[in-house]
Amino acid sequence: MSLPWAEFISVWSNWMLIGALIIGVVATYGIVVSGNVKESAANTEIARLSSEAEASRAAIADANARALEAQAQLAQFKAPRTVTEAQALRFIEEATKYSGTQADIWIIGDTPEPTGIAQIILKLLETSLMEMDRRGNREWNSSPGKGRFRFGYRPCRKLSRRLS
């Protein structure tokens, strides 16, 4: 290779190296700027999704609270019927006015719940100066869906004598 060619190649190589360095600096600047823009957009999206997640957590907590309340109401609805002490006293007070009257208790259904309330009513009637008529006036009809528990009552002589 001759000296002029070596000079020519050396000059052009230096210019190409300087140009490549300039292109590298511009490319690096472009990468940094676009990376910052992308990071800012990602942070904005993260903030939006975080607020949506927080709102969803609040909605879930509210839904869970309403579900617990509904379960409590359902449990209360499904709970066997009972008679409070005040109701029992009022029932006994009113039932004593009808001493000697015959009554039927009808149970519709074949579950323990209606049978339980019928038993409570029976005990209240017996407590209100009446006694169960045990002379064969008690029957149980177990046809599907309809139960019938029939009993009669009459004034309890023992209690009546004690009260007179």
N, C-alpha and C. Protein backbone atom coordinates (compact mmCIF):
# COMPACT_ATOMS: atom_id res chain seq x y z
N MET A 1 0.85 -1.14 0.00
CA MET A 1 0.00 0.00 0.00
C MET A 1 0.91 1.23 0.00
N SER A 2 0.49 2.22 -0.73
CA SER A 2 1.30 3.43 -0.85
C SER A 2 0.94 4.40 0.26
N LEU A 3 1.80 5.35 0.46
CA LEU A 3 1.60 6.35 1.52
C LEU A 3 0.35 7.18 1.28
N PRO A 4 0.04 7.64 0.09
CA PRO A 4 -1.19 8.41 -0.10
C PRO A 4 -2.43 7.58 0.22
N TRP A 5 -2.41 6.34 -0.16
CA TRP A 5 -3.57 5.48 0.17
C TRP A 5 -3.68 5.27 1.68
N ALA A 6 -2.63 5.10 2.35
CA ALA A 6 -2.64 4.92 3.79
C ALA A 6 -3.18 6.17 4.47
N GLU A 7 -2.77 7.38 3.99
CA GLU A 7 -3.29 8.63 4.52
C GLU A 7 -4.78 8.74 4.28
N PHE A 8 -5.20 8.41 3.09
CA PHE A 8 -6.61 8.48 2.72
C PHE A 8 -7.45 7.57 3.62
N ILE A 9 -7.00 6.34 3.76
CA ILE A 9 -7.73 5.37 4.59
C ILE A 9 -7.73 5.82 6.04
N SER A 10 -6.65 6.37 6.54
CA SER A 10 -6.55 6.81 7.92
C SER A 10 -7.49 7.97 8.18
N VAL A 11 -7.55 8.97 7.30
CA VAL A 11 -8.42 10.13 7.47
C VAL A 11 -9.89 9.67 7.46
N TRP A 12 -10.23 8.90 6.44
CA TRP A 12 -11.63 8.43 6.35
C TRP A 12 -12.01 7.54 7.54
N SER A 13 -11.12 6.74 8.02
CA SER A 13 -11.40 5.87 9.17
C SER A 13 -11.62 6.72 10.41
N ASN A 14 -10.79 7.78 10.60
CA ASN A 14 -10.99 8.65 11.75
C ASN A 14 -12.34 9.35 11.68
N TRP A 15 -12.71 9.85 10.50
CA TRP A 15 -14.01 10.51 10.34
C TRP A 15 -15.18 9.54 10.57
N MET A 16 -14.99 8.34 10.09
CA MET A 16 -16.05 7.33 10.31
C MET A 16 -16.16 6.99 11.79
N LEU A 17 -15.02 6.93 12.49
CA LEU A 17 -15.05 6.65 13.92
C LEU A 17 -15.71 7.80 14.68
N ILE A 18 -15.41 9.02 14.33
CA ILE A 18 -16.04 10.18 14.97
C ILE A 18 -17.54 10.18 14.67
N GLY A 19 -17.91 9.87 13.44
CA GLY A 19 -19.34 9.80 13.07
C GLY A 19 -20.05 8.69 13.84
N ALA A 20 -19.38 7.56 13.96
CA ALA A 20 -19.99 6.45 14.72
C ALA A 20 -20.15 6.82 16.18
N LEU A 21 -19.17 7.54 16.74
CA LEU A 21 -19.27 7.98 18.13
C LEU A 21 -20.42 8.97 18.30
N ILE A 22 -20.58 9.86 17.35
CA ILE A 22 -21.69 10.82 17.42
C ILE A 22 -23.02 10.07 17.32
N ILE A 23 -23.11 9.14 16.40
CA ILE A 23 -24.35 8.34 16.27
C ILE A 23 -24.59 7.55 17.56
N GLY A 24 -23.54 7.02 18.18
CA GLY A 24 -23.67 6.29 19.45
C GLY A 24 -24.18 7.19 20.57
N VAL A 25 -23.66 8.43 20.63
CA VAL A 25 -24.11 9.38 21.67
C VAL A 25 -25.57 9.74 21.44
N VAL A 26 -25.95 10.01 20.19
CA VAL A 26 -27.35 10.35 19.86
C VAL A 26 -28.25 9.16 20.19
N ALA A 27 -27.83 7.96 19.83
CA ALA A 27 -28.62 6.76 20.12
C ALA A 27 -28.76 6.56 21.63
N THR A 28 -27.68 6.78 22.37
CA THR A 28 -27.74 6.64 23.83
C THR A 28 -28.70 7.67 24.41
N TYR A 29 -28.65 8.91 23.93
CA TYR A 29 -29.57 9.94 24.39
C TYR A 29 -31.02 9.54 24.09
N GLY A 30 -31.26 9.04 22.90
CA GLY A 30 -32.61 8.59 22.52
C GLY A 30 -33.10 7.45 23.42
N ILE A 31 -32.23 6.54 23.73
CA ILE A 31 -32.59 5.42 24.60
C ILE A 31 -32.94 5.93 26.00
N VAL A 32 -32.13 6.84 26.55
CA VAL A 32 -32.37 7.36 27.89
C VAL A 32 -33.68 8.15 27.93
N VAL A 33 -33.92 9.03 26.97
CA VAL A 33 -35.15 9.84 26.95
C VAL A 33 -36.37 8.95 26.79
N SER A 34 -36.34 8.04 25.85
CA SER A 34 -37.51 7.16 25.64
C SER A 34 -37.72 6.24 26.85
N GLY A 35 -36.64 5.82 27.50
CA GLY A 35 -36.76 5.00 28.71
C GLY A 35 -37.43 5.78 29.83
N ASN A 36 -37.07 7.06 29.99
CA ASN A 36 -37.70 7.90 31.01
C ASN A 36 -39.20 8.08 30.74
N VAL A 37 -39.55 8.29 29.47
CA VAL A 37 -40.96 8.44 29.11
C VAL A 37 -41.72 7.14 29.39
N LYS A 38 -41.12 6.02 29.00
CA LYS A 38 -41.76 4.72 29.25
C LYS A 38 -41.90 4.45 30.76
N GLU A 39 -40.90 4.81 31.55
CA GLU A 39 -40.96 4.61 32.99
C GLU A 39 -42.06 5.48 33.61
N SER A 40 -42.18 6.71 33.15
CA SER A 40 -43.22 7.61 33.65
C SER A 40 -44.61 7.06 33.32
N ALA A 41 -44.78 6.56 32.11
CA ALA A 41 -46.06 5.97 31.72
C ALA A 41 -46.37 4.73 32.55
N ALA A 42 -45.34 3.91 32.79
CA ALA A 42 -45.54 2.71 33.61
C ALA A 42 -45.91 3.08 35.04
N ASN A 43 -45.27 4.12 35.60
CA ASN A 43 -45.60 4.56 36.95
C ASN A 43 -47.03 5.09 37.03
N THR A 44 -47.46 5.81 36.00
CA THR A 44 -48.84 6.30 35.96
C THR A 44 -49.81 5.13 35.92
N GLU A 45 -49.52 4.13 35.11
CA GLU A 45 -50.38 2.94 35.01
C GLU A 45 -50.39 2.17 36.33
N ILE A 46 -49.24 2.06 36.98
CA ILE A 46 -49.16 1.38 38.29
C ILE A 46 -50.02 2.12 39.31
N ALA A 47 -49.95 3.45 39.30
CA ALA A 47 -50.76 4.24 40.24
C ALA A 47 -52.25 4.04 39.97
N ARG A 48 -52.64 4.04 38.70
CA ARG A 48 -54.04 3.82 38.34
C ARG A 48 -54.51 2.44 38.77
N LEU A 49 -53.72 1.43 38.49
CA LEU A 49 -54.08 0.06 38.86
C LEU A 49 -54.11 -0.12 40.38
N SER A 50 -53.21 0.56 41.08
CA SER A 50 -53.21 0.48 42.54
C SER A 50 -54.48 1.09 43.12
N SER A 51 -54.91 2.23 42.57
CA SER A 51 -56.14 2.84 43.07
C SER A 51 -57.35 1.97 42.73
N GLU A 52 -57.36 1.36 41.55
CA GLU A 52 -58.44 0.44 41.19
C GLU A 52 -58.44 -0.78 42.13
N ALA A 53 -57.26 -1.29 42.44
CA ALA A 53 -57.17 -2.44 43.35
C ALA A 53 -57.68 -2.06 44.74
N GLU A 54 -57.34 -0.87 45.20
CA GLU A 54 -57.82 -0.41 46.51
C GLU A 54 -59.34 -0.27 46.51
N ALA A 55 -59.89 0.28 45.42
CA ALA A 55 -61.35 0.40 45.31
C ALA A 55 -61.99 -0.99 45.27
N SER A 56 -61.34 -1.92 44.58
CA SER A 56 -61.86 -3.29 44.53
C SER A 56 -61.81 -3.95 45.90
N ARG A 57 -60.73 -3.71 46.64
CA ARG A 57 -60.64 -4.27 48.01
C ARG A 57 -61.75 -3.71 48.89
N ALA A 58 -62.03 -2.41 48.75
CA ALA A 58 -63.11 -1.80 49.54
C ALA A 58 -64.46 -2.39 49.14
N ALA A 59 -64.66 -2.60 47.84
CA ALA A 59 -65.92 -3.19 47.37
C ALA A 59 -66.05 -4.64 47.86
N ILE A 60 -64.95 -5.36 47.86
CA ILE A 60 -64.96 -6.75 48.35
C ILE A 60 -65.27 -6.78 49.84
N ALA A 61 -64.66 -5.88 50.60
CA ALA A 61 -64.93 -5.83 52.04
C ALA A 61 -66.39 -5.49 52.30
N ASP A 62 -66.94 -4.56 51.53
CA ASP A 62 -68.35 -4.20 51.66
C ASP A 62 -69.24 -5.39 51.30
N ALA A 63 -68.90 -6.07 50.21
CA ALA A 63 -69.69 -7.24 49.79
C ALA A 63 -69.60 -8.35 50.84
N ASN A 64 -68.42 -8.55 51.42
CA ASN A 64 -68.28 -9.56 52.47
C ASN A 64 -69.11 -9.19 53.70
N ALA A 65 -69.12 -7.91 54.05
CA ALA A 65 -69.92 -7.47 55.20
C ALA A 65 -71.40 -7.70 54.93
N ARG A 66 -71.84 -7.36 53.70
CA ARG A 66 -73.26 -7.60 53.36
C ARG A 66 -73.57 -9.08 53.33
N ALA A 67 -72.62 -9.91 52.87
CA ALA A 67 -72.84 -11.35 52.85
C ALA A 67 -72.95 -11.90 54.27
N LEU A 68 -72.10 -11.41 55.18
CA LEU A 68 -72.20 -11.84 56.58
C LEU A 68 -73.54 -11.42 57.19
N GLU A 69 -73.96 -10.20 56.87
CA GLU A 69 -75.25 -9.74 57.37
C GLU A 69 -76.39 -10.59 56.81
N ALA A 70 -76.30 -10.91 55.53
CA ALA A 70 -77.33 -11.75 54.91
C ALA A 70 -77.32 -13.16 55.52
N GLN A 71 -76.12 -13.69 55.80
CA GLN A 71 -76.04 -15.00 56.43
C GLN A 71 -76.64 -14.97 57.83
N ALA A 72 -76.40 -13.88 58.55
CA ALA A 72 -76.98 -13.75 59.90
C ALA A 72 -78.50 -13.67 59.81
N GLN A 73 -79.00 -12.91 58.85
CA GLN A 73 -80.44 -12.82 58.67
C GLN A 73 -81.03 -14.16 58.25
N LEU A 74 -80.32 -14.88 57.38
CA LEU A 74 -80.79 -16.20 56.96
C LEU A 74 -80.79 -17.16 58.13
N ALA A 75 -79.74 -17.11 58.95
CA ALA A 75 -79.69 -17.99 60.12
C ALA A 75 -80.83 -17.65 61.07
N GLN A 76 -81.10 -16.36 61.22
CA GLN A 76 -82.21 -15.95 62.08
C GLN A 76 -83.53 -16.42 61.48
N PHE A 77 -83.65 -16.34 60.17
CA PHE A 77 -84.86 -16.79 59.48
C PHE A 77 -85.04 -18.30 59.61
N LYS A 78 -83.92 -19.02 59.52
CA LYS A 78 -83.97 -20.48 59.59
C LYS A 78 -84.06 -21.00 61.02
N ALA A 79 -83.78 -20.14 61.99
CA ALA A 79 -83.78 -20.57 63.38
C ALA A 79 -85.19 -20.99 63.79
N PRO A 80 -85.28 -22.01 64.62
CA PRO A 80 -86.61 -22.43 65.07
C PRO A 80 -87.33 -21.30 65.80
N ARG A 81 -88.62 -21.26 65.61
CA ARG A 81 -89.40 -20.23 66.30
C ARG A 81 -89.41 -20.51 67.78
N THR A 82 -89.39 -19.45 68.53
CA THR A 82 -89.42 -19.56 69.99
C THR A 82 -90.43 -18.56 70.52
N VAL A 83 -90.68 -18.67 71.79
CA VAL A 83 -91.58 -17.76 72.47
C VAL A 83 -90.79 -17.11 73.60
N THR A 84 -90.79 -15.78 73.62
CA THR A 84 -90.08 -15.09 74.70
C THR A 84 -90.86 -15.24 76.00
N GLU A 85 -90.21 -14.92 77.08
CA GLU A 85 -90.87 -15.05 78.38
C GLU A 85 -92.08 -14.12 78.46
N ALA A 86 -91.94 -12.92 77.94
CA ALA A 86 -93.07 -11.97 77.96
C ALA A 86 -94.22 -12.50 77.11
N GLN A 87 -93.90 -13.08 75.95
CA GLN A 87 -94.95 -13.65 75.10
C GLN A 87 -95.63 -14.82 75.81
N ALA A 88 -94.84 -15.65 76.47
CA ALA A 88 -95.40 -16.81 77.16
C ALA A 88 -96.34 -16.36 78.27
N LEU A 89 -95.95 -15.37 79.05
CA LEU A 89 -96.81 -14.87 80.12
C LEU A 89 -98.11 -14.30 79.57
N ARG A 90 -98.02 -13.57 78.48
CA ARG A 90 -99.23 -13.00 77.86
C ARG A 90 -100.10 -14.11 77.32
N PHE A 91 -99.51 -15.12 76.69
CA PHE A 91 -100.26 -16.25 76.15
C PHE A 91 -101.01 -16.97 77.27
N ILE A 92 -100.29 -17.25 78.35
CA ILE A 92 -100.90 -17.97 79.48
C ILE A 92 -102.05 -17.14 80.06
N GLU A 93 -101.82 -15.84 80.18
CA GLU A 93 -102.86 -14.95 80.72
C GLU A 93 -104.11 -14.98 79.84
N GLU A 94 -103.92 -14.92 78.53
CA GLU A 94 -105.07 -14.94 77.62
C GLU A 94 -105.71 -16.32 77.55
N ALA A 95 -104.91 -17.38 77.55
CA ALA A 95 -105.45 -18.73 77.40
C ALA A 95 -106.28 -19.15 78.61
N THR A 96 -105.95 -18.63 79.79
CA THR A 96 -106.73 -19.01 80.97
C THR A 96 -108.16 -18.53 80.87
N LYS A 97 -108.42 -17.54 80.05
CA LYS A 97 -109.79 -17.06 79.85
C LYS A 97 -110.64 -18.10 79.13
N TYR A 98 -110.01 -19.00 78.40
CA TYR A 98 -110.74 -19.99 77.60
C TYR A 98 -110.60 -21.39 78.19
N SER A 99 -110.41 -21.47 79.45
CA SER A 99 -110.25 -22.75 80.13
C SER A 99 -111.43 -23.65 79.80
N GLY A 100 -111.14 -24.88 79.45
CA GLY A 100 -112.17 -25.85 79.12
C GLY A 100 -112.48 -25.95 77.64
N THR A 101 -111.91 -25.08 76.84
CA THR A 101 -112.14 -25.11 75.39
C THR A 101 -111.21 -26.14 74.76
N GLN A 102 -111.71 -26.83 73.73
CA GLN A 102 -110.88 -27.80 73.04
C GLN A 102 -110.20 -27.12 71.86
N ALA A 103 -108.96 -27.50 71.60
CA ALA A 103 -108.21 -26.89 70.50
C ALA A 103 -107.42 -27.95 69.76
N ASP A 104 -107.12 -27.66 68.54
CA ASP A 104 -106.26 -28.51 67.73
C ASP A 104 -105.01 -27.72 67.39
N ILE A 105 -103.91 -28.41 67.38
CA ILE A 105 -102.67 -27.82 66.86
C ILE A 105 -102.36 -28.58 65.59
N TRP A 106 -102.28 -27.89 64.51
CA TRP A 106 -101.98 -28.50 63.21
C TRP A 106 -100.54 -28.20 62.87
N ILE A 107 -99.83 -29.21 62.43
CA ILE A 107 -98.45 -29.04 62.01
C ILE A 107 -98.40 -29.28 60.51
N ILE A 108 -97.98 -28.29 59.78
CA ILE A 108 -97.84 -28.41 58.33
C ILE A 108 -96.36 -28.61 58.05
N GLY A 109 -96.01 -29.75 57.51
CA GLY A 109 -94.62 -30.06 57.22
C GLY A 109 -94.14 -31.18 58.13
N ASP A 110 -93.03 -31.75 57.77
CA ASP A 110 -92.52 -32.87 58.55
C ASP A 110 -91.11 -32.60 59.06
N THR A 111 -90.86 -31.36 59.40
CA THR A 111 -89.54 -31.00 59.93
C THR A 111 -89.66 -30.74 61.43
N PRO A 112 -88.56 -30.72 62.14
CA PRO A 112 -88.60 -30.50 63.58
C PRO A 112 -89.08 -29.10 63.97
N GLU A 113 -88.91 -28.12 63.10
CA GLU A 113 -89.24 -26.75 63.47
C GLU A 113 -90.73 -26.58 63.79
N PRO A 114 -91.68 -26.97 62.90
CA PRO A 114 -93.09 -26.79 63.27
C PRO A 114 -93.50 -27.67 64.45
N THR A 115 -92.90 -28.85 64.56
CA THR A 115 -93.20 -29.70 65.70
C THR A 115 -92.74 -29.03 66.99
N GLY A 116 -91.58 -28.38 66.94
CA GLY A 116 -91.04 -27.70 68.11
C GLY A 116 -91.94 -26.58 68.59
N ILE A 117 -92.44 -25.75 67.67
CA ILE A 117 -93.31 -24.64 68.10
C ILE A 117 -94.64 -25.19 68.60
N ALA A 118 -95.10 -26.31 68.02
CA ALA A 118 -96.34 -26.93 68.51
C ALA A 118 -96.14 -27.43 69.94
N GLN A 119 -94.99 -27.98 70.22
CA GLN A 119 -94.70 -28.46 71.57
C GLN A 119 -94.67 -27.28 72.55
N ILE A 120 -94.10 -26.15 72.12
CA ILE A 120 -94.07 -24.97 72.98
C ILE A 120 -95.49 -24.50 73.28
N ILE A 121 -96.33 -24.45 72.24
CA ILE A 121 -97.72 -24.02 72.44
C ILE A 121 -98.44 -24.99 73.35
N LEU A 122 -98.20 -26.29 73.17
CA LEU A 122 -98.82 -27.30 74.04
C LEU A 122 -98.43 -27.07 75.50
N LYS A 123 -97.16 -26.83 75.75
CA LYS A 123 -96.71 -26.60 77.13
C LYS A 123 -97.35 -25.34 77.70
N LEU A 124 -97.47 -24.30 76.87
CA LEU A 124 -98.10 -23.08 77.34
C LEU A 124 -99.57 -23.31 77.66
N LEU A 125 -100.26 -24.10 76.83
CA LEU A 125 -101.66 -24.40 77.11
C LEU A 125 -101.80 -25.20 78.39
N GLU A 126 -100.91 -26.16 78.57
CA GLU A 126 -100.96 -26.96 79.80
C GLU A 126 -100.67 -26.10 81.02
N THR A 127 -99.76 -25.12 80.86
CA THR A 127 -99.42 -24.25 81.96
C THR A 127 -100.59 -23.32 82.30
N SER A 128 -101.40 -22.97 81.31
CA SER A 128 -102.49 -22.03 81.54
C SER A 128 -103.75 -22.75 82.06
N LEU A 129 -103.57 -23.54 83.13
CA LEU A 129 -104.65 -24.23 83.83
C LEU A 129 -105.42 -25.21 82.95
N MET A 130 -104.75 -25.80 82.00
CA MET A 130 -105.37 -26.78 81.15
C MET A 130 -104.50 -28.02 81.21
N GLU A 131 -105.09 -29.13 80.92
CA GLU A 131 -104.26 -30.32 80.86
C GLU A 131 -104.60 -31.09 79.62
N MET A 132 -103.66 -31.86 79.17
CA MET A 132 -103.80 -32.65 77.97
C MET A 132 -104.89 -33.70 78.17
N ASP A 133 -105.76 -33.82 77.21
CA ASP A 133 -106.78 -34.87 77.26
C ASP A 133 -106.12 -36.14 76.75
N ARG A 134 -105.79 -37.05 77.61
CA ARG A 134 -105.03 -38.24 77.25
C ARG A 134 -105.95 -39.42 76.96
N ARG A 135 -107.23 -39.19 76.72
CA ARG A 135 -108.17 -40.28 76.53
C ARG A 135 -108.30 -40.67 75.05
N GLY A 136 -107.21 -40.85 74.37
CA GLY A 136 -107.26 -41.30 72.98
C GLY A 136 -107.60 -40.20 72.00
N ASN A 137 -107.51 -38.97 72.41
CA ASN A 137 -107.84 -37.87 71.52
C ASN A 137 -106.57 -37.27 70.92
N ARG A 138 -105.57 -38.08 70.79
CA ARG A 138 -104.29 -37.62 70.26
C ARG A 138 -103.97 -38.48 69.05
N GLU A 139 -103.71 -37.86 67.94
CA GLU A 139 -103.41 -38.63 66.74
C GLU A 139 -102.33 -37.91 65.93
N TRP A 140 -101.66 -38.67 65.15
CA TRP A 140 -100.62 -38.12 64.27
C TRP A 140 -100.85 -38.67 62.89
N ASN A 141 -101.01 -37.76 61.94
CA ASN A 141 -101.23 -38.16 60.56
C ASN A 141 -99.97 -37.79 59.80
N SER A 142 -99.25 -38.78 59.31
CA SER A 142 -97.94 -38.51 58.71
C SER A 142 -98.00 -38.48 57.19
N SER A 143 -99.10 -37.98 56.64
CA SER A 143 -99.14 -37.88 55.18
C SER A 143 -98.12 -36.85 54.73
N PRO A 144 -97.51 -37.04 53.55
CA PRO A 144 -96.42 -36.16 53.11
C PRO A 144 -96.84 -34.69 53.07
N GLY A 145 -96.03 -33.88 53.72
CA GLY A 145 -96.24 -32.44 53.68
C GLY A 145 -97.26 -31.94 54.68
N LYS A 146 -98.05 -32.81 55.28
CA LYS A 146 -99.06 -32.35 56.24
C LYS A 146 -99.05 -33.26 57.44
N GLY A 147 -98.67 -32.72 58.55
CA GLY A 147 -98.74 -33.48 59.78
C GLY A 147 -99.87 -32.89 60.61
N ARG A 148 -100.53 -33.70 61.38
CA ARG A 148 -101.58 -33.18 62.24
C ARG A 148 -101.39 -33.77 63.62
N PHE A 149 -101.22 -32.88 64.55
CA PHE A 149 -101.07 -33.30 65.92
C PHE A 149 -102.29 -32.73 66.63
N ARG A 150 -103.19 -33.58 67.02
CA ARG A 150 -104.44 -33.09 67.59
C ARG A 150 -104.49 -33.46 69.06
N PHE A 151 -104.89 -32.53 69.85
CA PHE A 151 -105.08 -32.83 71.25
C PHE A 151 -106.21 -31.97 71.77
N GLY A 152 -106.79 -32.42 72.84
CA GLY A 152 -107.81 -31.62 73.51
C GLY A 152 -107.30 -31.28 74.89
N TYR A 153 -107.86 -30.28 75.49
CA TYR A 153 -107.48 -29.98 76.85
C TYR A 153 -108.73 -29.57 77.63
N ARG A 154 -108.64 -29.71 78.89
CA ARG A 154 -109.74 -29.34 79.78
C ARG A 154 -109.13 -28.68 81.01
N PRO A 155 -109.94 -28.01 81.81
CA PRO A 155 -109.38 -27.36 83.00
C PRO A 155 -108.72 -28.38 83.91
N CYS A 156 -107.58 -28.02 84.44
CA CYS A 156 -106.87 -28.91 85.35
C CYS A 156 -107.50 -28.76 86.73
N ARG A 157 -108.10 -29.81 87.18
CA ARG A 157 -108.84 -29.74 88.45
C ARG A 157 -107.90 -29.47 89.62
N LYS A 158 -106.73 -30.08 89.59
CA LYS A 158 -105.81 -29.91 90.73
C LYS A 158 -105.43 -28.44 90.86
N LEU A 159 -105.03 -27.80 89.75
CA LEU A 159 -104.64 -26.41 89.82
C LEU A 159 -105.84 -25.52 90.11
N SER A 160 -107.01 -25.87 89.56
CA SER A 160 -108.21 -25.07 89.78
C SER A 160 -108.57 -25.06 91.26
N ARG A 161 -108.46 -26.22 91.89
CA ARG A 161 -108.78 -26.29 93.31
C ARG A 161 -107.79 -25.47 94.13
N ARG A 162 -106.53 -25.48 93.74
CA ARG A 162 -105.52 -24.73 94.48
C ARG A 162 -105.76 -23.23 94.36
N LEU A 163 -106.25 -22.80 93.18
CA LEU A 163 -106.44 -21.37 92.98
C LEU A 163 -107.73 -20.85 93.60
N SER A 164 -108.74 -21.72 93.88
CA SER A 164 -110.01 -21.21 94.40
C SER A 164 -109.94 -20.98 95.89
